[in-house]
N, C-alpha and C. Protein backbone atom coordinates (compact mmCIF):
# COMPACT_ATOMS: atom_id res chain seq x y z
N MET A 1 48.54 71.85 96.96
CA MET A 1 47.51 71.18 96.26
C MET A 1 47.22 71.96 94.97
N GLY A 2 46.97 71.17 93.95
CA GLY A 2 46.57 71.86 92.69
C GLY A 2 45.15 72.49 92.81
N ASP A 3 44.84 73.49 91.94
CA ASP A 3 43.58 74.20 92.04
C ASP A 3 42.42 73.24 91.79
N GLN A 4 42.55 72.31 90.89
CA GLN A 4 41.41 71.35 90.55
C GLN A 4 41.13 70.52 91.79
N ILE A 5 42.17 70.01 92.45
CA ILE A 5 41.92 69.22 93.68
C ILE A 5 41.38 70.04 94.74
N SER A 6 41.92 71.22 95.00
CA SER A 6 41.48 72.04 96.15
C SER A 6 40.00 72.51 95.92
N ASP A 7 39.60 72.62 94.64
CA ASP A 7 38.21 72.99 94.41
C ASP A 7 37.20 71.87 94.77
N GLU A 8 37.69 70.63 94.80
CA GLU A 8 36.85 69.46 95.20
C GLU A 8 36.81 69.13 96.67
N ILE A 9 37.73 69.77 97.43
CA ILE A 9 37.74 69.47 98.91
C ILE A 9 36.62 70.04 99.58
N VAL A 10 35.93 69.20 100.38
CA VAL A 10 34.76 69.64 101.14
C VAL A 10 35.26 70.07 102.53
N CYS A 11 36.19 69.26 103.15
CA CYS A 11 36.70 69.62 104.49
C CYS A 11 37.98 68.81 104.63
N ILE A 12 38.81 69.28 105.53
CA ILE A 12 40.05 68.52 105.95
C ILE A 12 39.96 68.45 107.41
N GLU A 13 40.01 67.20 107.97
CA GLU A 13 39.87 67.00 109.42
C GLU A 13 41.00 66.00 109.86
N GLU A 14 41.34 66.05 111.09
CA GLU A 14 42.33 65.10 111.65
C GLU A 14 41.68 64.40 112.86
N THR A 15 42.04 63.13 113.04
CA THR A 15 41.55 62.29 114.18
C THR A 15 42.71 61.52 114.64
N SER A 16 42.55 61.01 115.88
CA SER A 16 43.59 60.17 116.56
C SER A 16 43.04 58.75 116.52
N ILE A 17 44.01 57.85 116.73
CA ILE A 17 43.65 56.40 116.75
C ILE A 17 43.68 55.89 118.22
N THR A 18 42.64 55.17 118.53
CA THR A 18 42.55 54.55 119.88
C THR A 18 42.75 53.03 119.73
N VAL A 19 43.76 52.54 120.46
CA VAL A 19 44.07 51.03 120.37
C VAL A 19 43.72 50.43 121.70
N ARG A 20 42.82 49.45 121.72
CA ARG A 20 42.54 48.61 122.87
C ARG A 20 42.53 47.21 122.41
N SER A 21 43.43 46.42 122.94
CA SER A 21 43.71 45.10 122.59
C SER A 21 43.91 44.94 121.05
N TYR A 22 43.16 44.13 120.40
CA TYR A 22 43.33 43.89 118.96
C TYR A 22 42.59 44.84 118.08
N ARG A 23 41.75 45.74 118.71
CA ARG A 23 40.94 46.67 117.89
C ARG A 23 41.70 47.99 117.74
N HIS A 24 41.60 48.49 116.51
CA HIS A 24 42.14 49.76 116.19
C HIS A 24 41.02 50.64 115.76
N ARG A 25 40.73 51.71 116.44
CA ARG A 25 39.54 52.56 116.11
C ARG A 25 39.92 53.97 115.88
N THR A 26 39.18 54.59 115.04
CA THR A 26 39.28 56.05 114.75
C THR A 26 37.84 56.61 114.76
N THR A 27 37.74 57.86 114.95
CA THR A 27 36.47 58.58 114.94
C THR A 27 36.29 59.29 113.57
N VAL A 28 35.11 59.13 113.06
CA VAL A 28 34.84 59.88 111.81
C VAL A 28 34.48 61.29 112.20
N PRO A 29 35.24 62.26 111.70
CA PRO A 29 34.94 63.69 112.06
C PRO A 29 33.47 64.02 111.74
N SER A 30 32.90 64.87 112.55
CA SER A 30 31.52 65.25 112.37
C SER A 30 31.21 65.79 110.93
N LYS A 31 32.03 66.65 110.39
CA LYS A 31 31.74 67.20 109.07
C LYS A 31 31.74 66.12 108.01
N VAL A 32 32.65 65.16 108.09
CA VAL A 32 32.69 64.09 107.22
C VAL A 32 31.45 63.13 107.37
N PHE A 33 31.16 62.83 108.65
CA PHE A 33 29.96 62.03 108.98
C PHE A 33 28.73 62.59 108.35
N LYS A 34 28.52 63.89 108.45
CA LYS A 34 27.30 64.53 107.91
C LYS A 34 27.39 64.59 106.38
N PHE A 35 28.61 64.92 105.84
CA PHE A 35 28.76 64.95 104.34
C PHE A 35 28.38 63.63 103.67
N LEU A 36 28.91 62.56 104.30
CA LEU A 36 28.60 61.22 103.80
C LEU A 36 27.26 60.66 104.13
N ASP A 37 26.49 61.47 104.98
CA ASP A 37 25.16 61.05 105.49
C ASP A 37 25.19 59.64 106.14
N LEU A 38 26.23 59.48 106.99
CA LEU A 38 26.40 58.22 107.67
C LEU A 38 25.34 57.91 108.68
N LYS A 39 24.99 56.62 108.84
CA LYS A 39 24.01 56.18 109.84
C LYS A 39 24.58 54.95 110.55
N GLN A 40 24.02 54.59 111.68
CA GLN A 40 24.40 53.41 112.41
C GLN A 40 24.39 52.19 111.47
N GLY A 41 25.44 51.41 111.40
CA GLY A 41 25.46 50.20 110.64
C GLY A 41 25.97 50.39 109.27
N ASP A 42 26.21 51.64 108.80
CA ASP A 42 26.85 51.86 107.53
C ASP A 42 28.25 51.31 107.41
N THR A 43 28.65 51.01 106.19
CA THR A 43 30.05 50.44 105.98
C THR A 43 30.91 51.44 105.28
N LEU A 44 32.19 51.54 105.69
CA LEU A 44 33.09 52.37 105.05
C LEU A 44 34.16 51.48 104.39
N ARG A 45 34.62 51.87 103.16
CA ARG A 45 35.62 51.15 102.48
C ARG A 45 36.96 51.95 102.53
N TRP A 46 38.03 51.39 102.98
CA TRP A 46 39.30 52.09 103.09
C TRP A 46 40.19 51.55 101.95
N ILE A 47 40.73 52.50 101.19
CA ILE A 47 41.55 52.20 99.97
C ILE A 47 42.91 52.82 100.22
N ALA A 48 43.98 52.04 100.50
CA ALA A 48 45.29 52.55 100.73
C ALA A 48 46.15 52.38 99.53
N LEU A 49 46.81 53.44 99.07
CA LEU A 49 47.77 53.40 97.99
C LEU A 49 49.28 53.40 98.50
N LYS A 50 50.09 52.84 97.64
CA LYS A 50 51.50 52.71 97.98
C LYS A 50 52.12 53.97 98.43
N ASP A 51 51.64 55.08 97.92
CA ASP A 51 52.25 56.41 98.30
C ASP A 51 51.79 56.94 99.59
N GLY A 52 50.90 56.22 100.24
CA GLY A 52 50.53 56.64 101.56
C GLY A 52 49.13 57.32 101.54
N THR A 53 48.65 57.55 100.40
CA THR A 53 47.29 58.15 100.25
C THR A 53 46.15 57.12 100.66
N VAL A 54 45.24 57.56 101.44
CA VAL A 54 44.05 56.72 101.83
C VAL A 54 42.81 57.40 101.46
N TYR A 55 41.98 56.61 100.70
CA TYR A 55 40.65 57.10 100.42
C TYR A 55 39.69 56.30 101.23
N ILE A 56 38.64 57.02 101.72
CA ILE A 56 37.64 56.41 102.52
C ILE A 56 36.31 56.69 101.84
N ARG A 57 35.47 55.67 101.53
CA ARG A 57 34.23 55.84 100.79
C ARG A 57 33.14 55.11 101.55
N LYS A 58 31.94 55.67 101.48
CA LYS A 58 30.75 55.00 102.04
C LYS A 58 30.39 53.93 101.05
N VAL A 59 30.14 52.76 101.53
CA VAL A 59 29.73 51.63 100.59
C VAL A 59 28.21 51.64 100.56
N PRO A 60 27.75 51.84 99.22
CA PRO A 60 26.27 51.85 99.10
C PRO A 60 25.64 50.54 99.56
N ALA A 61 24.43 50.59 100.10
CA ALA A 61 23.89 49.38 100.63
C ALA A 61 23.68 48.29 99.59
N GLN A 62 23.42 48.72 98.31
CA GLN A 62 23.19 47.68 97.26
C GLN A 62 24.44 46.91 96.95
N ASP A 63 25.66 47.57 97.17
CA ASP A 63 26.91 46.86 96.97
C ASP A 63 27.07 45.76 97.99
N LEU A 64 26.62 46.06 99.22
CA LEU A 64 26.78 45.01 100.24
C LEU A 64 25.83 43.79 100.09
N ALA A 65 24.73 44.07 99.36
CA ALA A 65 23.73 43.01 99.13
C ALA A 65 24.19 41.97 98.07
N ASP A 66 25.16 42.29 97.22
CA ASP A 66 25.71 41.46 96.17
C ASP A 66 26.49 40.35 96.73
């Protein structure tokens, strides 16, 4: 990783996927959960790029109201 990118990294975590019938679930790692200040009912936006990079962002409540 480049120095600029590595300076911005807060944490690196890994999780596994749980598949039950049609649902595909993953657990948000504790450090990420706390960093994003997630609460019950919050929404995450998953952005997948062609190169396999995936960004996950907390959706601000005001964005959901629009």
